[in-house]
N, C-alpha and C. Protein backbone atom coordinates (compact mmCIF):
# COMPACT_ATOMS: atom_id res chain seq x y z
N MET A 1 3.21 -9.01 19.76
CA MET A 1 3.81 -8.70 18.49
C MET A 1 3.03 -7.56 17.85
N THR A 2 3.75 -6.61 17.33
CA THR A 2 3.11 -5.50 16.63
C THR A 2 3.14 -5.77 15.14
N ARG A 3 2.52 -4.88 14.40
CA ARG A 3 2.40 -5.09 12.96
C ARG A 3 2.72 -3.80 12.22
N ILE A 4 3.39 -3.97 11.08
CA ILE A 4 3.64 -2.87 10.17
C ILE A 4 2.68 -3.05 8.99
N LEU A 5 1.98 -2.00 8.64
CA LEU A 5 1.05 -2.02 7.52
C LEU A 5 1.71 -1.36 6.32
N VAL A 6 1.67 -2.04 5.19
CA VAL A 6 2.25 -1.49 3.96
C VAL A 6 1.14 -1.34 2.93
N GLY A 7 0.93 -0.11 2.47
CA GLY A 7 0.04 0.12 1.35
C GLY A 7 0.77 -0.31 0.09
N TYR A 8 0.21 -1.27 -0.63
CA TYR A 8 0.92 -1.89 -1.74
C TYR A 8 0.08 -1.87 -3.01
N ASP A 9 0.66 -1.31 -4.09
CA ASP A 9 -0.05 -1.29 -5.37
C ASP A 9 0.79 -1.85 -6.51
N GLY A 10 1.95 -2.40 -6.18
CA GLY A 10 2.81 -3.00 -7.18
C GLY A 10 3.79 -2.05 -7.83
N SER A 11 3.71 -0.77 -7.54
CA SER A 11 4.63 0.21 -8.13
C SER A 11 6.04 0.03 -7.55
N GLU A 12 7.02 0.66 -8.20
CA GLU A 12 8.39 0.61 -7.69
C GLU A 12 8.47 1.15 -6.27
N ALA A 13 7.81 2.26 -6.03
CA ALA A 13 7.85 2.87 -4.70
C ALA A 13 7.18 1.96 -3.67
N ALA A 14 6.09 1.31 -4.03
CA ALA A 14 5.42 0.40 -3.10
C ALA A 14 6.30 -0.81 -2.81
N ARG A 15 7.00 -1.31 -3.83
CA ARG A 15 7.93 -2.43 -3.60
C ARG A 15 9.05 -2.00 -2.67
N ALA A 16 9.54 -0.77 -2.84
CA ALA A 16 10.58 -0.27 -1.94
C ALA A 16 10.06 -0.15 -0.51
N ALA A 17 8.84 0.34 -0.35
CA ALA A 17 8.24 0.45 0.98
C ALA A 17 8.06 -0.92 1.61
N ALA A 18 7.65 -1.91 0.82
CA ALA A 18 7.47 -3.26 1.34
C ALA A 18 8.80 -3.87 1.76
N LYS A 19 9.84 -3.65 0.97
CA LYS A 19 11.16 -4.18 1.34
C LYS A 19 11.67 -3.50 2.60
N PHE A 20 11.51 -2.19 2.69
CA PHE A 20 11.89 -1.45 3.89
C PHE A 20 11.16 -2.02 5.11
N ALA A 21 9.85 -2.20 4.99
CA ALA A 21 9.04 -2.69 6.11
C ALA A 21 9.43 -4.12 6.48
N ALA A 22 9.70 -4.97 5.50
CA ALA A 22 10.10 -6.35 5.79
C ALA A 22 11.43 -6.38 6.53
N ASN A 23 12.38 -5.57 6.08
CA ASN A 23 13.67 -5.51 6.78
C ASN A 23 13.50 -5.02 8.21
N LEU A 24 12.68 -4.03 8.40
CA LEU A 24 12.43 -3.51 9.74
C LEU A 24 11.71 -4.55 10.59
N ALA A 25 10.72 -5.21 10.03
CA ALA A 25 9.97 -6.23 10.77
C ALA A 25 10.89 -7.38 11.20
N ARG A 26 11.80 -7.78 10.34
CA ARG A 26 12.75 -8.85 10.70
C ARG A 26 13.60 -8.43 11.89
N ARG A 27 14.06 -7.20 11.88
CA ARG A 27 14.92 -6.71 12.98
C ARG A 27 14.17 -6.59 14.29
N LEU A 28 12.89 -6.25 14.21
CA LEU A 28 12.11 -6.02 15.43
C LEU A 28 11.24 -7.21 15.82
N SER A 29 11.37 -8.31 15.09
CA SER A 29 10.52 -9.49 15.32
C SER A 29 9.05 -9.13 15.25
N ASP A 30 8.72 -8.28 14.30
CA ASP A 30 7.35 -7.86 14.09
C ASP A 30 6.76 -8.62 12.91
N ALA A 31 5.50 -8.40 12.69
CA ALA A 31 4.80 -8.95 11.53
C ALA A 31 4.41 -7.79 10.63
N MET A 32 4.01 -8.12 9.43
CA MET A 32 3.56 -7.05 8.54
C MET A 32 2.37 -7.51 7.72
N THR A 33 1.59 -6.52 7.30
CA THR A 33 0.45 -6.74 6.44
C THR A 33 0.65 -5.94 5.17
N LEU A 34 0.54 -6.61 4.03
CA LEU A 34 0.52 -5.93 2.75
C LEU A 34 -0.94 -5.72 2.40
N ALA A 35 -1.32 -4.48 2.14
CA ALA A 35 -2.72 -4.17 1.85
C ALA A 35 -2.83 -3.45 0.51
N TYR A 36 -3.76 -3.92 -0.31
CA TYR A 36 -4.07 -3.30 -1.59
C TYR A 36 -5.50 -2.79 -1.48
N VAL A 37 -5.71 -1.55 -1.90
CA VAL A 37 -7.06 -0.98 -1.85
C VAL A 37 -7.59 -0.83 -3.26
N VAL A 38 -8.72 -1.49 -3.52
CA VAL A 38 -9.40 -1.38 -4.81
C VAL A 38 -10.31 -0.16 -4.72
N PRO A 39 -10.02 0.88 -5.49
CA PRO A 39 -10.85 2.09 -5.41
C PRO A 39 -12.20 1.88 -6.08
N PRO A 40 -13.16 2.72 -5.73
CA PRO A 40 -14.47 2.63 -6.39
C PRO A 40 -14.33 2.96 -7.88
N ILE A 41 -15.17 2.35 -8.67
CA ILE A 41 -15.17 2.64 -10.11
C ILE A 41 -15.98 3.92 -10.33
N PRO A 42 -15.37 4.94 -10.94
CA PRO A 42 -16.12 6.17 -11.18
C PRO A 42 -17.31 5.90 -12.11
N ALA A 43 -18.42 6.56 -11.85
CA ALA A 43 -19.63 6.36 -12.65
C ALA A 43 -19.38 6.63 -14.13
N GLU A 44 -18.55 7.61 -14.44
CA GLU A 44 -18.30 7.93 -15.84
C GLU A 44 -17.51 6.83 -16.56
N ALA A 45 -16.90 5.92 -15.81
CA ALA A 45 -16.16 4.81 -16.43
C ALA A 45 -17.08 3.65 -16.79
N LEU A 46 -18.27 3.66 -16.24
CA LEU A 46 -19.21 2.58 -16.51
C LEU A 46 -19.87 2.76 -17.87
N SER A 47 -20.14 1.67 -18.51
CA SER A 47 -20.82 1.70 -19.80
C SER A 47 -21.69 0.45 -19.89
N PRO A 48 -22.51 0.37 -20.91
CA PRO A 48 -23.34 -0.83 -21.06
C PRO A 48 -22.52 -2.11 -21.19
N VAL A 49 -21.28 -2.00 -21.68
CA VAL A 49 -20.46 -3.20 -21.86
C VAL A 49 -19.60 -3.52 -20.64
N LEU A 50 -19.46 -2.59 -19.72
CA LEU A 50 -18.65 -2.81 -18.53
C LEU A 50 -19.56 -3.14 -17.36
N ASP A 51 -19.47 -4.35 -16.88
CA ASP A 51 -20.23 -4.78 -15.72
C ASP A 51 -19.40 -4.41 -14.48
N ALA A 52 -19.89 -3.49 -13.69
CA ALA A 52 -19.15 -2.99 -12.53
C ALA A 52 -18.82 -4.11 -11.55
N ASN A 53 -19.76 -5.02 -11.32
CA ASN A 53 -19.50 -6.11 -10.38
C ASN A 53 -18.40 -7.03 -10.90
N GLN A 54 -18.43 -7.34 -12.19
CA GLN A 54 -17.40 -8.19 -12.78
C GLN A 54 -16.04 -7.48 -12.73
N ALA A 55 -16.02 -6.20 -13.06
CA ALA A 55 -14.78 -5.44 -13.02
C ALA A 55 -14.20 -5.44 -11.60
N ALA A 56 -15.04 -5.26 -10.61
CA ALA A 56 -14.57 -5.26 -9.22
C ALA A 56 -14.03 -6.63 -8.84
N ARG A 57 -14.73 -7.70 -9.21
CA ARG A 57 -14.24 -9.06 -8.90
C ARG A 57 -12.88 -9.31 -9.54
N GLU A 58 -12.71 -8.88 -10.77
CA GLU A 58 -11.44 -9.07 -11.46
C GLU A 58 -10.33 -8.24 -10.81
N HIS A 59 -10.67 -7.03 -10.39
CA HIS A 59 -9.68 -6.19 -9.73
C HIS A 59 -9.27 -6.80 -8.38
N PHE A 60 -10.22 -7.31 -7.62
CA PHE A 60 -9.90 -7.96 -6.35
C PHE A 60 -9.03 -9.19 -6.57
N ALA A 61 -9.33 -9.99 -7.60
CA ALA A 61 -8.53 -11.18 -7.90
C ALA A 61 -7.11 -10.79 -8.29
N TYR A 62 -7.00 -9.74 -9.12
CA TYR A 62 -5.68 -9.23 -9.51
C TYR A 62 -4.90 -8.80 -8.26
N ALA A 63 -5.56 -8.07 -7.37
CA ALA A 63 -4.90 -7.57 -6.16
C ALA A 63 -4.43 -8.71 -5.27
N GLU A 64 -5.25 -9.73 -5.11
CA GLU A 64 -4.85 -10.89 -4.29
C GLU A 64 -3.61 -11.55 -4.86
N GLN A 65 -3.58 -11.73 -6.17
CA GLN A 65 -2.41 -12.36 -6.80
C GLN A 65 -1.17 -11.47 -6.65
N LEU A 66 -1.33 -10.18 -6.84
CA LEU A 66 -0.23 -9.24 -6.69
C LEU A 66 0.35 -9.31 -5.28
N LEU A 67 -0.51 -9.31 -4.27
CA LEU A 67 -0.06 -9.37 -2.88
C LEU A 67 0.62 -10.71 -2.57
N ASN A 68 0.05 -11.80 -3.07
CA ASN A 68 0.67 -13.11 -2.83
C ASN A 68 2.07 -13.18 -3.44
N ASN A 69 2.22 -12.64 -4.65
CA ASN A 69 3.53 -12.60 -5.29
C ASN A 69 4.51 -11.74 -4.50
N ALA A 70 4.04 -10.60 -4.03
CA ALA A 70 4.91 -9.71 -3.25
C ALA A 70 5.34 -10.38 -1.95
N ALA A 71 4.42 -11.04 -1.27
CA ALA A 71 4.76 -11.72 -0.02
C ALA A 71 5.81 -12.80 -0.27
N ALA A 72 5.67 -13.54 -1.37
CA ALA A 72 6.64 -14.58 -1.70
C ALA A 72 8.01 -13.97 -2.01
N GLU A 73 8.03 -12.84 -2.71
CA GLU A 73 9.30 -12.19 -3.05
C GLU A 73 10.03 -11.65 -1.83
N LEU A 74 9.29 -11.25 -0.82
CA LEU A 74 9.92 -10.66 0.37
C LEU A 74 10.64 -11.71 1.20
N GLY A 75 10.35 -12.97 0.96
CA GLY A 75 11.09 -14.04 1.59
C GLY A 75 10.66 -14.36 3.00
N SER A 76 11.52 -15.11 3.65
CA SER A 76 11.20 -15.60 4.99
C SER A 76 11.75 -14.67 6.06
N GLY A 77 11.50 -15.05 7.30
CA GLY A 77 12.01 -14.28 8.42
C GLY A 77 11.04 -13.27 8.97
N VAL A 78 9.89 -13.14 8.35
CA VAL A 78 8.87 -12.21 8.84
C VAL A 78 7.49 -12.78 8.51
N GLU A 79 6.59 -12.65 9.46
CA GLU A 79 5.21 -13.09 9.22
C GLU A 79 4.52 -12.04 8.36
N ILE A 80 4.03 -12.46 7.19
CA ILE A 80 3.37 -11.53 6.27
C ILE A 80 1.96 -12.01 6.01
N THR A 81 1.01 -11.13 6.23
CA THR A 81 -0.36 -11.39 5.84
C THR A 81 -0.72 -10.40 4.74
N THR A 82 -1.76 -10.72 4.01
CA THR A 82 -2.21 -9.84 2.94
C THR A 82 -3.68 -9.54 3.12
N GLN A 83 -4.08 -8.38 2.64
CA GLN A 83 -5.48 -8.00 2.74
C GLN A 83 -5.83 -7.10 1.57
N VAL A 84 -6.94 -7.42 0.91
CA VAL A 84 -7.47 -6.58 -0.17
C VAL A 84 -8.70 -5.89 0.39
N LEU A 85 -8.70 -4.58 0.26
CA LEU A 85 -9.80 -3.75 0.77
C LEU A 85 -10.45 -3.01 -0.38
N GLY A 86 -11.64 -2.55 -0.16
CA GLY A 86 -12.31 -1.69 -1.11
C GLY A 86 -12.46 -0.31 -0.51
N GLY A 87 -12.45 0.71 -1.35
CA GLY A 87 -12.66 2.07 -0.86
C GLY A 87 -11.62 3.02 -1.40
N HIS A 88 -11.55 4.17 -0.78
CA HIS A 88 -10.55 5.16 -1.15
C HIS A 88 -9.26 4.80 -0.42
N PRO A 89 -8.13 4.72 -1.13
CA PRO A 89 -6.91 4.16 -0.55
C PRO A 89 -6.48 4.74 0.80
N ALA A 90 -6.35 6.03 0.92
CA ALA A 90 -5.88 6.59 2.19
C ALA A 90 -6.85 6.30 3.33
N ALA A 91 -8.12 6.47 3.08
CA ALA A 91 -9.12 6.22 4.13
C ALA A 91 -9.14 4.76 4.54
N ALA A 92 -9.06 3.85 3.57
CA ALA A 92 -9.09 2.42 3.89
C ALA A 92 -7.84 2.01 4.68
N LEU A 93 -6.67 2.51 4.28
CA LEU A 93 -5.44 2.19 5.01
C LEU A 93 -5.47 2.77 6.42
N GLU A 94 -5.96 3.99 6.53
CA GLU A 94 -6.05 4.64 7.83
C GLU A 94 -6.97 3.85 8.77
N GLU A 95 -8.10 3.40 8.25
CA GLU A 95 -9.05 2.62 9.05
C GLU A 95 -8.44 1.28 9.47
N LEU A 96 -7.75 0.63 8.55
CA LEU A 96 -7.11 -0.64 8.87
C LEU A 96 -6.05 -0.45 9.95
N ALA A 97 -5.26 0.61 9.84
CA ALA A 97 -4.23 0.90 10.85
C ALA A 97 -4.86 1.18 12.21
N ARG A 98 -5.96 1.89 12.21
CA ARG A 98 -6.62 2.27 13.47
C ARG A 98 -7.26 1.06 14.15
N ASP A 99 -7.85 0.19 13.36
CA ASP A 99 -8.64 -0.90 13.92
C ASP A 99 -7.85 -2.17 14.20
N HIS A 100 -6.57 -2.20 13.88
CA HIS A 100 -5.75 -3.39 14.10
C HIS A 100 -4.50 -3.01 14.88
N ASP A 101 -3.74 -3.98 15.27
CA ASP A 101 -2.54 -3.76 16.07
C ASP A 101 -1.39 -3.29 15.17
N VAL A 102 -1.56 -2.11 14.58
CA VAL A 102 -0.56 -1.55 13.67
C VAL A 102 0.21 -0.46 14.39
N GLU A 103 1.52 -0.55 14.33
CA GLU A 103 2.38 0.44 14.96
C GLU A 103 2.99 1.42 13.96
N LEU A 104 3.04 1.03 12.69
CA LEU A 104 3.67 1.85 11.67
C LEU A 104 3.01 1.57 10.34
N VAL A 105 2.81 2.61 9.55
CA VAL A 105 2.29 2.48 8.19
C VAL A 105 3.39 2.89 7.22
N ALA A 106 3.66 2.06 6.24
CA ALA A 106 4.68 2.37 5.23
C ALA A 106 4.02 2.42 3.86
N VAL A 107 4.31 3.47 3.12
CA VAL A 107 3.78 3.63 1.77
C VAL A 107 4.86 4.20 0.87
N GLY A 108 4.71 3.96 -0.39
CA GLY A 108 5.61 4.56 -1.37
C GLY A 108 5.02 5.85 -1.87
N SER A 109 5.90 6.73 -2.30
CA SER A 109 5.47 7.98 -2.92
C SER A 109 5.77 7.87 -4.40
N HIS A 110 4.82 8.24 -5.20
CA HIS A 110 5.04 8.18 -6.64
C HIS A 110 5.77 9.40 -7.15
N GLY A 111 6.20 10.27 -6.24
CA GLY A 111 6.99 11.41 -6.63
C GLY A 111 6.23 12.46 -7.39
N LEU A 112 4.95 12.63 -7.09
CA LEU A 112 4.18 13.65 -7.79
C LEU A 112 4.67 15.05 -7.43
N ASN A 113 4.71 15.92 -8.41
CA ASN A 113 5.08 17.30 -8.10
C ASN A 113 3.86 17.98 -7.47
N PRO A 114 4.03 19.17 -6.89
CA PRO A 114 2.92 19.82 -6.19
C PRO A 114 1.67 20.04 -7.05
N VAL A 115 1.84 20.35 -8.32
CA VAL A 115 0.67 20.55 -9.18
C VAL A 115 -0.07 19.24 -9.37
N GLU A 116 0.66 18.16 -9.67
CA GLU A 116 0.01 16.85 -9.83
C GLU A 116 -0.68 16.43 -8.54
N ARG A 117 -0.03 16.67 -7.40
CA ARG A 117 -0.62 16.28 -6.12
C ARG A 117 -1.91 17.06 -5.86
N ALA A 118 -1.92 18.34 -6.21
CA ALA A 118 -3.12 19.16 -6.00
C ALA A 118 -4.26 18.68 -6.88
N LEU A 119 -3.94 18.27 -8.09
CA LEU A 119 -4.99 17.82 -9.01
C LEU A 119 -5.44 16.39 -8.75
N LEU A 120 -4.51 15.53 -8.42
CA LEU A 120 -4.81 14.11 -8.33
C LEU A 120 -5.02 13.61 -6.90
N GLY A 121 -4.48 14.32 -5.94
CA GLY A 121 -4.51 13.82 -4.57
C GLY A 121 -3.35 12.87 -4.37
N SER A 122 -3.05 12.56 -3.14
CA SER A 122 -1.93 11.69 -2.85
C SER A 122 -2.25 10.86 -1.61
N THR A 123 -2.23 9.56 -1.77
CA THR A 123 -2.46 8.67 -0.64
C THR A 123 -1.43 8.92 0.45
N ALA A 124 -0.16 9.00 0.06
CA ALA A 124 0.90 9.21 1.05
C ALA A 124 0.72 10.55 1.76
N SER A 125 0.43 11.61 1.02
CA SER A 125 0.26 12.93 1.65
C SER A 125 -0.90 12.93 2.63
N ARG A 126 -2.00 12.31 2.24
CA ARG A 126 -3.16 12.29 3.14
C ARG A 126 -2.85 11.48 4.39
N LEU A 127 -2.21 10.32 4.23
CA LEU A 127 -1.88 9.51 5.40
C LEU A 127 -0.98 10.26 6.37
N VAL A 128 0.01 10.96 5.84
CA VAL A 128 0.92 11.73 6.71
C VAL A 128 0.14 12.77 7.50
N ARG A 129 -0.86 13.38 6.87
CA ARG A 129 -1.63 14.44 7.54
C ARG A 129 -2.68 13.91 8.49
N THR A 130 -3.27 12.74 8.21
CA THR A 130 -4.45 12.34 8.97
C THR A 130 -4.32 11.07 9.80
N CYS A 131 -3.37 10.21 9.47
CA CYS A 131 -3.27 8.93 10.18
C CYS A 131 -2.74 9.15 11.60
N ARG A 132 -3.33 8.47 12.54
CA ARG A 132 -2.92 8.59 13.94
C ARG A 132 -1.75 7.67 14.28
N LYS A 133 -1.32 6.88 13.34
CA LYS A 133 -0.15 6.02 13.50
C LYS A 133 1.02 6.65 12.77
N PRO A 134 2.25 6.36 13.18
CA PRO A 134 3.40 6.90 12.43
C PRO A 134 3.37 6.38 10.99
N VAL A 135 3.74 7.25 10.06
CA VAL A 135 3.76 6.90 8.64
C VAL A 135 5.15 7.18 8.10
N VAL A 136 5.71 6.19 7.42
CA VAL A 136 6.98 6.39 6.72
C VAL A 136 6.68 6.33 5.23
N VAL A 137 7.20 7.31 4.50
CA VAL A 137 6.97 7.40 3.05
C VAL A 137 8.30 7.16 2.36
N ILE A 138 8.31 6.16 1.50
CA ILE A 138 9.51 5.85 0.73
C ILE A 138 9.34 6.49 -0.64
N PRO A 139 10.19 7.46 -0.98
CA PRO A 139 10.03 8.15 -2.26
C PRO A 139 10.47 7.29 -3.44
N ALA A 140 9.76 7.43 -4.54
CA ALA A 140 10.09 6.69 -5.75
C ALA A 140 11.50 7.03 -6.20
N ALA A 141 11.92 8.26 -6.01
CA ALA A 141 13.26 8.68 -6.45
C ALA A 141 14.35 7.89 -5.73
N ALA A 142 14.13 7.55 -4.46
CA ALA A 142 15.12 6.77 -3.71
C ALA A 142 15.29 5.40 -4.32
N TRP A 143 14.20 4.81 -4.76
CA TRP A 143 14.24 3.51 -5.39
C TRP A 143 15.01 3.57 -6.69
N ARG A 144 14.71 4.56 -7.51
CA ARG A 144 15.36 4.66 -8.83
C ARG A 144 16.83 5.00 -8.70
N ALA A 145 17.20 5.82 -7.72
CA ALA A 145 18.57 6.28 -7.61
C ALA A 145 19.50 5.22 -7.00
N ALA A 146 19.04 4.56 -5.97
CA ALA A 146 19.96 3.69 -5.23
C ALA A 146 19.41 2.32 -4.93
N GLY A 147 18.29 1.97 -5.48
CA GLY A 147 17.67 0.70 -5.14
C GLY A 147 16.86 0.86 -3.88
N PRO A 148 16.16 -0.19 -3.46
CA PRO A 148 15.28 -0.07 -2.31
C PRO A 148 16.05 0.24 -1.04
N PRO A 149 15.56 1.17 -0.25
CA PRO A 149 16.25 1.56 0.97
C PRO A 149 16.12 0.48 2.05
N SER A 150 17.07 0.45 2.95
CA SER A 150 17.03 -0.43 4.11
C SER A 150 16.90 0.44 5.35
N PRO A 151 16.27 -0.09 6.40
CA PRO A 151 16.15 0.69 7.62
C PRO A 151 17.48 0.85 8.32
């Protein structure tokens, strides 16, 4: 059995990517992993009142609950596992795809324009350029225009 990896952050585009992946996994008798990546806390965000360790624990707990809810919403008919990772999102997803039996990576696109992408970076754009596994990107606009896409 192969596995589809879905980068999941709870956004509309991520939900569309998860639904797309679940539908595909059901058709192919595959399994899927929903993965949330907790990014590092920038040093400038830290203050005497913000405990970085506590903030990270809370973020990991939030991510676990988000993934569990998403897995429940996707329903039956597909084996779904969840994983919360730490690190930079594209790098962590790429490493997970490389080190596990992943055949396809699915992510949502937040629809950033080229200027926003240049300034902010894009997990989807980086994965498309660097991941050695096939990557499917579900655009946020597709979700808003017609609902979540099906394979």
